[in-house]
Full PDB file with SEQRES, HELIX, SHEET, SSBOND, CRYST1, ORIGX, SCALE, CONECT and MASTER records, all heavy atoms in Angstrom:
SEQRES   1 A   40  TYR PRO ILE ASP ARG GLU PHE VAL ALA LYS GLU LEU GLY          
SEQRES   2 A   40  PHE SER GLY ILE CYS GLU ASN THR MET ASP ALA VAL SER          
SEQRES   3 A   40  ASP ARG ASP PHE ALA ILE GLU PHE VAL SER CYS CYS ALA          
SEQRES   4 A   40  MET                                                          
HELIX    1 AA1 ARG A    5  LEU A   12  1                                   8    
HELIX    2 AA2 THR A   21  SER A   26  1                                   6    
HELIX    3 AA3 ASP A   29  ALA A   39  1                                  11    
CRYST1    1.000    1.000    1.000  90.00  90.00  90.00 P 1           1          
ORIGX1      1.000000  0.000000  0.000000        0.00000                         
ORIGX2      0.000000  1.000000  0.000000        0.00000                         
ORIGX3      0.000000  0.000000  1.000000        0.00000                         
SCALE1      1.000000  0.000000  0.000000        0.00000                         
SCALE2      0.000000  1.000000  0.000000        0.00000                         
SCALE3      0.000000  0.000000  1.000000        0.00000                         
ATOM      1  N   TYR A   1     -54.251  30.219  -8.516  1.00  0.00           N  
ATOM      2  CA  TYR A   1     -54.325  31.590  -9.007  1.00  0.00           C  
ATOM      3  C   TYR A   1     -53.741  32.567  -7.970  1.00  0.00           C  
ATOM      4  O   TYR A   1     -53.842  32.311  -6.751  1.00  0.00           O  
ATOM      5  CB  TYR A   1     -55.745  32.009  -9.338  1.00  0.00           C  
ATOM      6  CG  TYR A   1     -56.362  31.283 -10.500  1.00  0.00           C  
ATOM      7  CD1 TYR A   1     -57.192  30.176 -10.324  1.00  0.00           C  
ATOM      8  CD2 TYR A   1     -56.112  31.691 -11.811  1.00  0.00           C  
ATOM      9  CE1 TYR A   1     -57.788  29.491 -11.373  1.00  0.00           C  
ATOM     10  CE2 TYR A   1     -56.682  31.034 -12.896  1.00  0.00           C  
ATOM     11  CZ  TYR A   1     -57.494  29.934 -12.665  1.00  0.00           C  
ATOM     12  OH  TYR A   1     -58.049  29.269 -13.744  1.00  0.00           O  
ATOM     13  N   PRO A   2     -53.176  33.659  -8.416  1.00  0.00           N  
ATOM     14  CA  PRO A   2     -52.578  34.633  -7.482  1.00  0.00           C  
ATOM     15  C   PRO A   2     -53.630  35.553  -6.833  1.00  0.00           C  
ATOM     16  O   PRO A   2     -53.644  36.780  -7.060  1.00  0.00           O  
ATOM     17  CB  PRO A   2     -51.633  35.416  -8.376  1.00  0.00           C  
ATOM     18  CG  PRO A   2     -52.294  35.404  -9.725  1.00  0.00           C  
ATOM     19  CD  PRO A   2     -52.918  34.036  -9.830  1.00  0.00           C  
ATOM     20  N   ILE A   3     -54.504  34.960  -6.043  1.00  0.00           N  
ATOM     21  CA  ILE A   3     -55.591  35.737  -5.459  1.00  0.00           C  
ATOM     22  C   ILE A   3     -55.084  36.553  -4.272  1.00  0.00           C  
ATOM     23  O   ILE A   3     -54.005  36.289  -3.731  1.00  0.00           O  
ATOM     24  CB  ILE A   3     -56.755  34.817  -5.023  1.00  0.00           C  
ATOM     25  CG1 ILE A   3     -56.309  33.840  -3.925  1.00  0.00           C  
ATOM     26  CG2 ILE A   3     -57.346  34.068  -6.214  1.00  0.00           C  
ATOM     27  CD1 ILE A   3     -57.444  33.034  -3.332  1.00  0.00           C  
ATOM     28  N   ASP A   4     -55.889  37.507  -3.878  1.00  0.00           N  
ATOM     29  CA  ASP A   4     -55.583  38.371  -2.710  1.00  0.00           C  
ATOM     30  C   ASP A   4     -56.732  38.264  -1.729  1.00  0.00           C  
ATOM     31  O   ASP A   4     -57.696  39.017  -1.782  1.00  0.00           O  
ATOM     32  CB  ASP A   4     -55.370  39.813  -3.183  1.00  0.00           C  
ATOM     33  CG  ASP A   4     -54.904  40.735  -2.072  1.00  0.00           C  
ATOM     34  OD1 ASP A   4     -54.967  40.331  -0.878  1.00  0.00           O  
ATOM     35  OD2 ASP A   4     -54.453  41.865  -2.387  1.00  0.00           O  
ATOM     36  N   ARG A   5     -56.628  37.311  -0.829  1.00  0.00           N  
ATOM     37  CA  ARG A   5     -57.716  37.074   0.134  1.00  0.00           C  
ATOM     38  C   ARG A   5     -57.866  38.222   1.108  1.00  0.00           C  
ATOM     39  O   ARG A   5     -59.014  38.538   1.524  1.00  0.00           O  
ATOM     40  CB  ARG A   5     -57.444  35.787   0.904  1.00  0.00           C  
ATOM     41  CG  ARG A   5     -57.423  34.510   0.044  1.00  0.00           C  
ATOM     42  CD  ARG A   5     -57.259  33.283   0.902  1.00  0.00           C  
ATOM     43  NE  ARG A   5     -58.452  33.067   1.714  1.00  0.00           N  
ATOM     44  CZ  ARG A   5     -58.434  32.328   2.814  1.00  0.00           C  
ATOM     45  NH1 ARG A   5     -57.309  31.762   3.250  1.00  0.00           N  
ATOM     46  NH2 ARG A   5     -59.549  32.171   3.517  1.00  0.00           N  
ATOM     47  N   GLU A   6     -56.740  38.853   1.483  1.00  0.00           N  
ATOM     48  CA  GLU A   6     -56.807  39.975   2.430  1.00  0.00           C  
ATOM     49  C   GLU A   6     -57.592  41.133   1.819  1.00  0.00           C  
ATOM     50  O   GLU A   6     -58.355  41.793   2.539  1.00  0.00           O  
ATOM     51  CB  GLU A   6     -55.413  40.410   2.817  1.00  0.00           C  
ATOM     52  CG  GLU A   6     -54.679  39.493   3.799  1.00  0.00           C  
ATOM     53  CD  GLU A   6     -54.188  38.201   3.155  1.00  0.00           C  
ATOM     54  OE1 GLU A   6     -54.084  38.151   1.881  1.00  0.00           O  
ATOM     55  OE2 GLU A   6     -53.844  37.253   3.880  1.00  0.00           O  
ATOM     56  N   PHE A   7     -57.421  41.361   0.503  1.00  0.00           N  
ATOM     57  CA  PHE A   7     -58.173  42.424  -0.132  1.00  0.00           C  
ATOM     58  C   PHE A   7     -59.672  42.130  -0.087  1.00  0.00           C  
ATOM     59  O   PHE A   7     -60.465  43.024   0.230  1.00  0.00           O  
ATOM     60  CB  PHE A   7     -57.742  42.591  -1.581  1.00  0.00           C  
ATOM     61  CG  PHE A   7     -58.612  43.504  -2.382  1.00  0.00           C  
ATOM     62  CD1 PHE A   7     -58.479  44.889  -2.282  1.00  0.00           C  
ATOM     63  CD2 PHE A   7     -59.640  43.016  -3.198  1.00  0.00           C  
ATOM     64  CE1 PHE A   7     -59.322  45.751  -3.006  1.00  0.00           C  
ATOM     65  CE2 PHE A   7     -60.466  43.836  -3.903  1.00  0.00           C  
ATOM     66  CZ  PHE A   7     -60.305  45.217  -3.835  1.00  0.00           C  
ATOM     67  N   VAL A   8     -60.039  40.913  -0.399  1.00  0.00           N  
ATOM     68  CA  VAL A   8     -61.459  40.532  -0.385  1.00  0.00           C  
ATOM     69  C   VAL A   8     -62.030  40.646   1.022  1.00  0.00           C  
ATOM     70  O   VAL A   8     -63.150  41.132   1.224  1.00  0.00           O  
ATOM     71  CB  VAL A   8     -61.658  39.096  -0.917  1.00  0.00           C  
ATOM     72  CG1 VAL A   8     -63.129  38.678  -0.816  1.00  0.00           C  
ATOM     73  CG2 VAL A   8     -61.159  38.988  -2.350  1.00  0.00           C  
ATOM     74  N   ALA A   9     -61.234  40.228   2.029  1.00  0.00           N  
ATOM     75  CA  ALA A   9     -61.692  40.345   3.428  1.00  0.00           C  
ATOM     76  C   ALA A   9     -61.989  41.793   3.790  1.00  0.00           C  
ATOM     77  O   ALA A   9     -63.019  42.110   4.394  1.00  0.00           O  
ATOM     78  CB  ALA A   9     -60.654  39.754   4.362  1.00  0.00           C  
ATOM     79  N   LYS A  10     -61.070  42.699   3.387  1.00  0.00           N  
ATOM     80  CA  LYS A  10     -61.264  44.091   3.665  1.00  0.00           C  
ATOM     81  C   LYS A  10     -62.481  44.642   2.915  1.00  0.00           C  
ATOM     82  O   LYS A  10     -63.268  45.431   3.453  1.00  0.00           O  
ATOM     83  CB  LYS A  10     -60.006  44.879   3.316  1.00  0.00           C  
ATOM     84  CG  LYS A  10     -60.055  46.352   3.687  1.00  0.00           C  
ATOM     85  CD  LYS A  10     -58.743  47.067   3.376  1.00  0.00           C  
ATOM     86  CE  LYS A  10     -58.804  48.529   3.756  1.00  0.00           C  
ATOM     87  NZ  LYS A  10     -57.546  49.242   3.429  1.00  0.00           N  
ATOM     88  N   GLU A  11     -62.637  44.233   1.691  1.00  0.00           N  
ATOM     89  CA  GLU A  11     -63.755  44.708   0.830  1.00  0.00           C  
ATOM     90  C   GLU A  11     -65.099  44.266   1.433  1.00  0.00           C  
ATOM     91  O   GLU A  11     -66.075  45.022   1.348  1.00  0.00           O  
ATOM     92  CB  GLU A  11     -63.581  44.129  -0.563  1.00  0.00           C  
ATOM     93  CG  GLU A  11     -64.495  44.715  -1.603  1.00  0.00           C  
ATOM     94  CD  GLU A  11     -64.149  46.113  -2.033  1.00  0.00           C  
ATOM     95  OE1 GLU A  11     -63.070  46.645  -1.631  1.00  0.00           O  
ATOM     96  OE2 GLU A  11     -64.926  46.703  -2.801  1.00  0.00           O  
ATOM     97  N   LEU A  12     -65.147  43.083   2.041  1.00  0.00           N  
ATOM     98  CA  LEU A  12     -66.388  42.579   2.612  1.00  0.00           C  
ATOM     99  C   LEU A  12     -66.562  42.890   4.096  1.00  0.00           C  
ATOM    100  O   LEU A  12     -67.556  42.490   4.700  1.00  0.00           O  
ATOM    101  CB  LEU A  12     -66.453  41.055   2.403  1.00  0.00           C  
ATOM    102  CG  LEU A  12     -66.613  40.598   0.940  1.00  0.00           C  
ATOM    103  CD1 LEU A  12     -66.519  39.081   0.835  1.00  0.00           C  
ATOM    104  CD2 LEU A  12     -67.932  41.099   0.379  1.00  0.00           C  
ATOM    105  N   GLY A  13     -65.610  43.568   4.686  1.00  0.00           N  
ATOM    106  CA  GLY A  13     -65.703  43.963   6.073  1.00  0.00           C  
ATOM    107  C   GLY A  13     -65.384  42.870   7.068  1.00  0.00           C  
ATOM    108  O   GLY A  13     -65.806  42.965   8.255  1.00  0.00           O  
ATOM    109  N   PHE A  14     -64.601  41.891   6.670  1.00  0.00           N  
ATOM    110  CA  PHE A  14     -64.137  40.865   7.609  1.00  0.00           C  
ATOM    111  C   PHE A  14     -62.850  41.345   8.296  1.00  0.00           C  
ATOM    112  O   PHE A  14     -62.045  42.041   7.698  1.00  0.00           O  
ATOM    113  CB  PHE A  14     -63.865  39.538   6.882  1.00  0.00           C  
ATOM    114  CG  PHE A  14     -65.097  38.783   6.485  1.00  0.00           C  
ATOM    115  CD1 PHE A  14     -65.589  38.828   5.209  1.00  0.00           C  
ATOM    116  CD2 PHE A  14     -65.765  38.000   7.428  1.00  0.00           C  
ATOM    117  CE1 PHE A  14     -66.703  38.107   4.848  1.00  0.00           C  
ATOM    118  CE2 PHE A  14     -66.880  37.304   7.068  1.00  0.00           C  
ATOM    119  CZ  PHE A  14     -67.374  37.342   5.772  1.00  0.00           C  
ATOM    120  N   SER A  15     -62.687  40.913   9.538  1.00  0.00           N  
ATOM    121  CA  SER A  15     -61.524  41.314  10.306  1.00  0.00           C  
ATOM    122  C   SER A  15     -60.278  40.522   9.957  1.00  0.00           C  
ATOM    123  O   SER A  15     -59.157  40.898  10.309  1.00  0.00           O  
ATOM    124  CB  SER A  15     -61.780  41.218  11.794  1.00  0.00           C  
ATOM    125  OG  SER A  15     -62.054  39.863  12.159  1.00  0.00           O  
ATOM    126  N   GLY A  16     -60.497  39.345   9.303  1.00  0.00           N  
ATOM    127  CA  GLY A  16     -59.349  38.516   8.938  1.00  0.00           C  
ATOM    128  C   GLY A  16     -59.828  37.388   8.022  1.00  0.00           C  
ATOM    129  O   GLY A  16     -60.949  37.367   7.546  1.00  0.00           O  
ATOM    130  N   ILE A  17     -58.926  36.422   7.756  1.00  0.00           N  
ATOM    131  CA  ILE A  17     -59.260  35.290   6.900  1.00  0.00           C  
ATOM    132  C   ILE A  17     -59.161  33.970   7.656  1.00  0.00           C  
ATOM    133  O   ILE A  17     -58.440  33.886   8.674  1.00  0.00           O  
ATOM    134  CB  ILE A  17     -58.329  35.245   5.656  1.00  0.00           C  
ATOM    135  CG1 ILE A  17     -56.864  35.021   6.074  1.00  0.00           C  
ATOM    136  CG2 ILE A  17     -58.474  36.513   4.833  1.00  0.00           C  
ATOM    137  CD1 ILE A  17     -55.911  34.755   4.917  1.00  0.00           C  
ATOM    138  N   CYS A  18     -59.858  32.976   7.189  1.00  0.00           N  
ATOM    139  CA  CYS A  18     -59.698  31.620   7.718  1.00  0.00           C  
ATOM    140  C   CYS A  18     -58.344  31.069   7.235  1.00  0.00           C  
ATOM    141  O   CYS A  18     -58.114  31.021   6.017  1.00  0.00           O  
ATOM    142  CB  CYS A  18     -60.832  30.715   7.237  1.00  0.00           C  
ATOM    143  SG  CYS A  18     -62.499  31.231   7.799  1.00  0.00           S  
ATOM    144  N   GLU A  19     -57.492  30.698   8.149  1.00  0.00           N  
ATOM    145  CA  GLU A  19     -56.132  30.376   7.797  1.00  0.00           C  
ATOM    146  C   GLU A  19     -56.001  28.992   7.116  1.00  0.00           C  
ATOM    147  O   GLU A  19     -55.254  28.831   6.154  1.00  0.00           O  
ATOM    148  CB  GLU A  19     -55.246  30.388   9.042  1.00  0.00           C  
ATOM    149  CG  GLU A  19     -55.084  31.772   9.664  1.00  0.00           C  
ATOM    150  CD  GLU A  19     -54.288  32.723   8.805  1.00  0.00           C  
ATOM    151  OE1 GLU A  19     -53.609  32.269   7.839  1.00  0.00           O  
ATOM    152  OE2 GLU A  19     -54.335  33.942   9.069  1.00  0.00           O  
ATOM    153  N   ASN A  20     -56.767  28.008   7.573  1.00  0.00           N  
ATOM    154  CA  ASN A  20     -56.699  26.678   6.980  1.00  0.00           C  
ATOM    155  C   ASN A  20     -57.864  26.486   6.027  1.00  0.00           C  
ATOM    156  O   ASN A  20     -59.015  26.585   6.407  1.00  0.00           O  
ATOM    157  CB  ASN A  20     -56.751  25.625   8.103  1.00  0.00           C  
ATOM    158  CG  ASN A  20     -56.575  24.204   7.580  1.00  0.00           C  
ATOM    159  OD1 ASN A  20     -57.467  23.605   6.999  1.00  0.00           O  
ATOM    160  ND2 ASN A  20     -55.378  23.657   7.805  1.00  0.00           N  
ATOM    161  N   THR A  21     -57.538  26.174   4.790  1.00  0.00           N  
ATOM    162  CA  THR A  21     -58.564  26.136   3.761  1.00  0.00           C  
ATOM    163  C   THR A  21     -59.547  24.962   3.930  1.00  0.00           C  
ATOM    164  O   THR A  21     -60.745  25.107   3.645  1.00  0.00           O  
ATOM    165  CB  THR A  21     -57.960  26.045   2.331  1.00  0.00           C  
ATOM    166  OG1 THR A  21     -57.080  24.910   2.266  1.00  0.00           O  
ATOM    167  CG2 THR A  21     -57.165  27.310   2.043  1.00  0.00           C  
ATOM    168  N   MET A  22     -59.075  23.844   4.451  1.00  0.00           N  
ATOM    169  CA  MET A  22     -59.970  22.714   4.708  1.00  0.00           C  
ATOM    170  C   MET A  22     -60.972  23.060   5.810  1.00  0.00           C  
ATOM    171  O   MET A  22     -62.171  22.804   5.709  1.00  0.00           O  
ATOM    172  CB  MET A  22     -59.179  21.460   5.064  1.00  0.00           C  
ATOM    173  CG  MET A  22     -58.389  20.886   3.922  1.00  0.00           C  
ATOM    174  SD  MET A  22     -57.520  19.370   4.372  1.00  0.00           S  
ATOM    175  CE  MET A  22     -58.899  18.202   4.407  1.00  0.00           C  
ATOM    176  N   ASP A  23     -60.441  23.670   6.842  1.00  0.00           N  
ATOM    177  CA  ASP A  23     -61.302  24.092   7.977  1.00  0.00           C  
ATOM    178  C   ASP A  23     -62.313  25.156   7.517  1.00  0.00           C  
ATOM    179  O   ASP A  23     -63.483  25.145   7.923  1.00  0.00           O  
ATOM    180  CB  ASP A  23     -60.457  24.631   9.087  1.00  0.00           C  
ATOM    181  CG  ASP A  23     -61.279  25.228  10.228  1.00  0.00           C  
ATOM    182  OD1 ASP A  23     -62.055  24.487  10.864  1.00  0.00           O  
ATOM    183  OD2 ASP A  23     -61.159  26.456  10.443  1.00  0.00           O  
ATOM    184  N   ALA A  24     -61.870  26.029   6.611  1.00  0.00           N  
ATOM    185  CA  ALA A  24     -62.712  27.158   6.173  1.00  0.00           C  
ATOM    186  C   ALA A  24     -64.027  26.684   5.551  1.00  0.00           C  
ATOM    187  O   ALA A  24     -65.077  27.319   5.719  1.00  0.00           O  
ATOM    188  CB  ALA A  24     -61.956  28.037   5.179  1.00  0.00           C  
ATOM    189  N   VAL A  25     -63.980  25.567   4.796  1.00  0.00           N  
ATOM    190  CA  VAL A  25     -65.154  25.101   4.082  1.00  0.00           C  
ATOM    191  C   VAL A  25     -65.896  23.963   4.774  1.00  0.00           C  
ATOM    192  O   VAL A  25     -67.028  23.657   4.419  1.00  0.00           O  
ATOM    193  CB  VAL A  25     -64.792  24.669   2.640  1.00  0.00           C  
ATOM    194  CG1 VAL A  25     -64.216  25.836   1.862  1.00  0.00           C  
ATOM    195  CG2 VAL A  25     -63.838  23.471   2.647  1.00  0.00           C  
ATOM    196  N   SER A  26     -65.255  23.344   5.786  1.00  0.00           N  
ATOM    197  CA  SER A  26     -65.814  22.108   6.295  1.00  0.00           C  
ATOM    198  C   SER A  26     -66.448  22.173   7.665  1.00  0.00           C  
ATOM    199  O   SER A  26     -67.060  21.200   8.113  1.00  0.00           O  
ATOM    200  CB  SER A  26     -64.735  21.012   6.348  1.00  0.00           C  
ATOM    201  OG  SER A  26     -63.752  21.312   7.320  1.00  0.00           O  
ATOM    202  N   ASP A  27     -66.301  23.326   8.328  1.00  0.00           N  
ATOM    203  CA  ASP A  27     -66.907  23.424   9.667  1.00  0.00           C  
ATOM    204  C   ASP A  27     -67.999  24.465   9.682  1.00  0.00           C  
ATOM    205  O   ASP A  27     -68.000  25.399   8.864  1.00  0.00           O  
ATOM    206  CB  ASP A  27     -65.840  23.757  10.726  1.00  0.00           C  
ATOM    207  CG  ASP A  27     -66.252  23.253  12.121  1.00  0.00           C  
ATOM    208  OD1 ASP A  27     -67.398  22.764  12.271  1.00  0.00           O  
ATOM    209  OD2 ASP A  27     -65.443  23.369  13.033  1.00  0.00           O  
ATOM    210  N   ARG A  28     -68.910  24.262  10.586  1.00  0.00           N  
ATOM    211  CA  ARG A  28     -69.982  25.209  10.820  1.00  0.00           C  
ATOM    212  C   ARG A  28     -70.081  25.537  12.310  1.00  0.00           C  
ATOM    213  O   ARG A  28     -71.156  25.838  12.820  1.00  0.00           O  
ATOM    214  CB  ARG A  28     -71.321  24.659  10.318  1.00  0.00           C  
ATOM    215  CG  ARG A  28     -71.405  24.495   8.810  1.00  0.00           C  
ATOM    216  CD  ARG A  28     -71.418  25.832   8.094  1.00  0.00           C  
ATOM    217  NE  ARG A  28     -71.657  25.662   6.649  1.00  0.00           N  
ATOM    218  CZ  ARG A  28     -70.684  25.583   5.743  1.00  0.00           C  
ATOM    219  NH1 ARG A  28     -69.421  25.613   6.164  1.00  0.00           N  
ATOM    220  NH2 ARG A  28     -70.962  25.424   4.476  1.00  0.00           N  
ATOM    221  N   ASP A  29     -68.932  25.480  12.992  1.00  0.00           N  
ATOM    222  CA  ASP A  29     -68.972  25.738  14.421  1.00  0.00           C  
ATOM    223  C   ASP A  29     -69.395  27.171  14.729  1.00  0.00           C  
ATOM    224  O   ASP A  29     -70.000  27.463  15.744  1.00  0.00           O  
ATOM    225  CB  ASP A  29     -67.656  25.419  15.106  1.00  0.00           C  
ATOM    226  CG  ASP A  29     -66.445  26.177  14.550  1.00  0.00           C  
ATOM    227  OD1 ASP A  29     -66.581  26.889  13.542  1.00  0.00           O  
ATOM    228  OD2 ASP A  29     -65.362  26.017  15.156  1.00  0.00           O  
ATOM    229  N   PHE A  30     -69.118  28.112  13.760  1.00  0.00           N  
ATOM    230  CA  PHE A  30     -69.552  29.481  13.959  1.00  0.00           C  
ATOM    231  C   PHE A  30     -71.100  29.551  13.967  1.00  0.00           C  
ATOM    232  O   PHE A  30     -71.684  30.321  14.735  1.00  0.00           O  
ATOM    233  CB  PHE A  30     -68.993  30.403  12.876  1.00  0.00           C  
ATOM    234  CG  PHE A  30     -69.463  30.113  11.486  1.00  0.00           C  
ATOM    235  CD1 PHE A  30     -70.579  30.768  10.941  1.00  0.00           C  
ATOM    236  CD2 PHE A  30     -68.814  29.191  10.687  1.00  0.00           C  
ATOM    237  CE1 PHE A  30     -71.035  30.509   9.677  1.00  0.00           C  
ATOM    238  CE2 PHE A  30     -69.247  28.934   9.397  1.00  0.00           C  
ATOM    239  CZ  PHE A  30     -70.372  29.585   8.892  1.00  0.00           C  
ATOM    240  N   ALA A  31     -71.727  28.737  13.135  1.00  0.00           N  
ATOM    241  CA  ALA A  31     -73.201  28.696  13.074  1.00  0.00           C  
ATOM    242  C   ALA A  31     -73.734  27.974  14.319  1.00  0.00           C  
ATOM    243  O   ALA A  31     -74.764  28.414  14.892  1.00  0.00           O  
ATOM    244  CB  ALA A  31     -73.682  27.993  11.816  1.00  0.00           C  
ATOM    245  N   ILE A  32     -73.100  26.911  14.717  1.00  0.00           N  
ATOM    246  CA  ILE A  32     -73.512  26.195  15.935  1.00  0.00           C  
ATOM    247  C   ILE A  32     -73.431  27.126  17.144  1.00  0.00           C  
ATOM    248  O   ILE A  32     -74.323  27.143  17.990  1.00  0.00           O  
ATOM    249  CB  ILE A  32     -72.645  24.928  16.134  1.00  0.00           C  
ATOM    250  CG1 ILE A  32     -72.904  23.915  15.028  1.00  0.00           C  
ATOM    251  CG2 ILE A  32     -72.933  24.313  17.506  1.00  0.00           C  
ATOM    252  CD1 ILE A  32     -71.935  22.753  15.017  1.00  0.00           C  
ATOM    253  N   GLU A  33     -72.344  27.897  17.188  1.00  0.00           N  
ATOM    254  CA  GLU A  33     -72.191  28.829  18.311  1.00  0.00           C  
ATOM    255  C   GLU A  33     -73.301  29.876  18.312  1.00  0.00           C  
ATOM    256  O   GLU A  33     -73.864  30.197  19.361  1.00  0.00           O  
ATOM    257  CB  GLU A  33     -70.822  29.519  18.249  1.00  0.00           C  
ATOM    258  CG  GLU A  33     -70.541  30.433  19.414  1.00  0.00           C  
ATOM    259  CD  GLU A  33     -69.157  31.018  19.419  1.00  0.00           C  
ATOM    260  OE1 GLU A  33     -68.398  30.774  18.427  1.00  0.00           O  
ATOM    261  OE2 GLU A  33     -68.800  31.723  20.363  1.00  0.00           O  
ATOM    262  N   PHE A  34     -73.634  30.389  17.127  1.00  0.00           N  
ATOM    263  CA  PHE A  34     -74.729  31.357  17.027  1.00  0.00           C  
ATOM    264  C   PHE A  34     -76.027  30.764  17.509  1.00  0.00           C  
ATOM    265  O   PHE A  34     -76.767  31.383  18.293  1.00  0.00           O  
ATOM    266  CB  PHE A  34     -74.847  31.857  15.589  1.00  0.00           C  
ATOM    267  CG  PHE A  34     -76.046  32.754  15.351  1.00  0.00           C  
ATOM    268  CD1 PHE A  34     -76.036  34.078  15.780  1.00  0.00           C  
ATOM    269  CD2 PHE A  34     -77.178  32.273  14.722  1.00  0.00           C  
ATOM    270  CE1 PHE A  34     -77.143  34.907  15.563  1.00  0.00           C  
ATOM    271  CE2 PHE A  34     -78.284  33.079  14.506  1.00  0.00           C  
ATOM    272  CZ  PHE A  34     -78.271  34.394  14.923  1.00  0.00           C  
ATOM    273  N   VAL A  35     -76.357  29.572  17.019  1.00  0.00           N  
ATOM    274  CA  VAL A  35     -77.618  28.940  17.422  1.00  0.00           C  
ATOM    275  C   VAL A  35     -77.599  28.604  18.914  1.00  0.00           C  
ATOM    276  O   VAL A  35     -78.630  28.696  19.585  1.00  0.00           O  
ATOM    277  CB  VAL A  35     -77.895  27.680  16.570  1.00  0.00           C  
ATOM    278  CG1 VAL A  35     -79.168  27.009  17.012  1.00  0.00           C  
ATOM    279  CG2 VAL A  35     -77.996  28.059  15.094  1.00  0.00           C  
ATOM    280  N   SER A  36     -76.426  28.240  19.432  1.00  0.00           N  
ATOM    281  CA  SER A  36     -76.304  28.002  20.867  1.00  0.00           C  
ATOM    282  C   SER A  36     -76.585  29.278  21.664  1.00  0.00           C  
ATOM    283  O   SER A  36     -77.273  29.250  22.690  1.00  0.00           O  
ATOM    284  CB  SER A  36     -74.889  27.492  21.192  1.00  0.00           C  
ATOM    285  OG  SER A  36     -74.712  27.328  22.582  1.00  0.00           O  
ATOM    286  N   CYS A  37     -76.062  30.401  21.199  1.00  0.00           N  
ATOM    287  CA  CYS A  37     -76.333  31.707  21.831  1.00  0.00           C  
ATOM    288  C   CYS A  37     -77.841  32.015  21.785  1.00  0.00           C  
ATOM    289  O   CYS A  37     -78.410  32.530  22.727  1.00  0.00           O  
ATOM    290  CB  CYS A  37     -75.535  32.811  21.155  1.00  0.00           C  
ATOM    291  SG  CYS A  37     -73.757  32.731  21.459  1.00  0.00           S  
ATOM    292  N   CYS A  38     -78.443  31.722  20.639  1.00  0.00           N  
ATOM    293  CA  CYS A  38     -79.892  31.903  20.483  1.00  0.00           C  
ATOM    294  C   CYS A  38     -80.660  31.041  21.511  1.00  0.00           C  
ATOM    295  O   CYS A  38     -81.577  31.505  22.166  1.00  0.00           O  
ATOM    296  CB  CYS A  38     -80.359  31.525  19.091  1.00  0.00           C  
ATOM    297  SG  CYS A  38     -79.804  32.651  17.769  1.00  0.00           S  
ATOM    298  N   ALA A  39     -80.233  29.779  21.642  1.00  0.00           N  
ATOM    299  CA  ALA A  39     -80.901  28.855  22.578  1.00  0.00           C  
ATOM    300  C   ALA A  39     -80.757  29.342  24.020  1.00  0.00           C  
ATOM    301  O   ALA A  39     -81.693  29.271  24.820  1.00  0.00           O  
ATOM    302  CB  ALA A  39     -80.317  27.442  22.394  1.00  0.00           C  
ATOM    303  N   MET A  40     -79.572  29.806  24.367  1.00  0.00           N  
ATOM    304  CA  MET A  40     -79.343  30.299  25.725  1.00  0.00           C  
ATOM    305  C   MET A  40     -80.239  31.526  25.982  1.00  0.00           C  
ATOM    306  O   MET A  40     -80.865  31.612  27.070  1.00  0.00           O  
ATOM    307  CB  MET A  40     -77.881  30.704  25.898  1.00  0.00           C  
ATOM    308  CG  MET A  40     -77.504  31.098  27.320  1.00  0.00           C  
ATOM    309  SD  MET A  40     -77.164  29.707  28.372  1.00  0.00           S  
ATOM    310  CE  MET A  40     -75.515  29.268  27.788  1.00  0.00           C  
TER     311      MET A  40                                                      
MASTER        0    0    0    3    0    0    0    6  310    1    0    4          
END                                                                             
């Protein structure tokens, strides 16, 4: 579909988009990093 990811990113207040679609849905390193910061 001719979606507009940049528009959605701006609408939701994101600074950018995940460039690789497989990576976008398959990793949770952002969550791991957050929990690591919590642990520290």
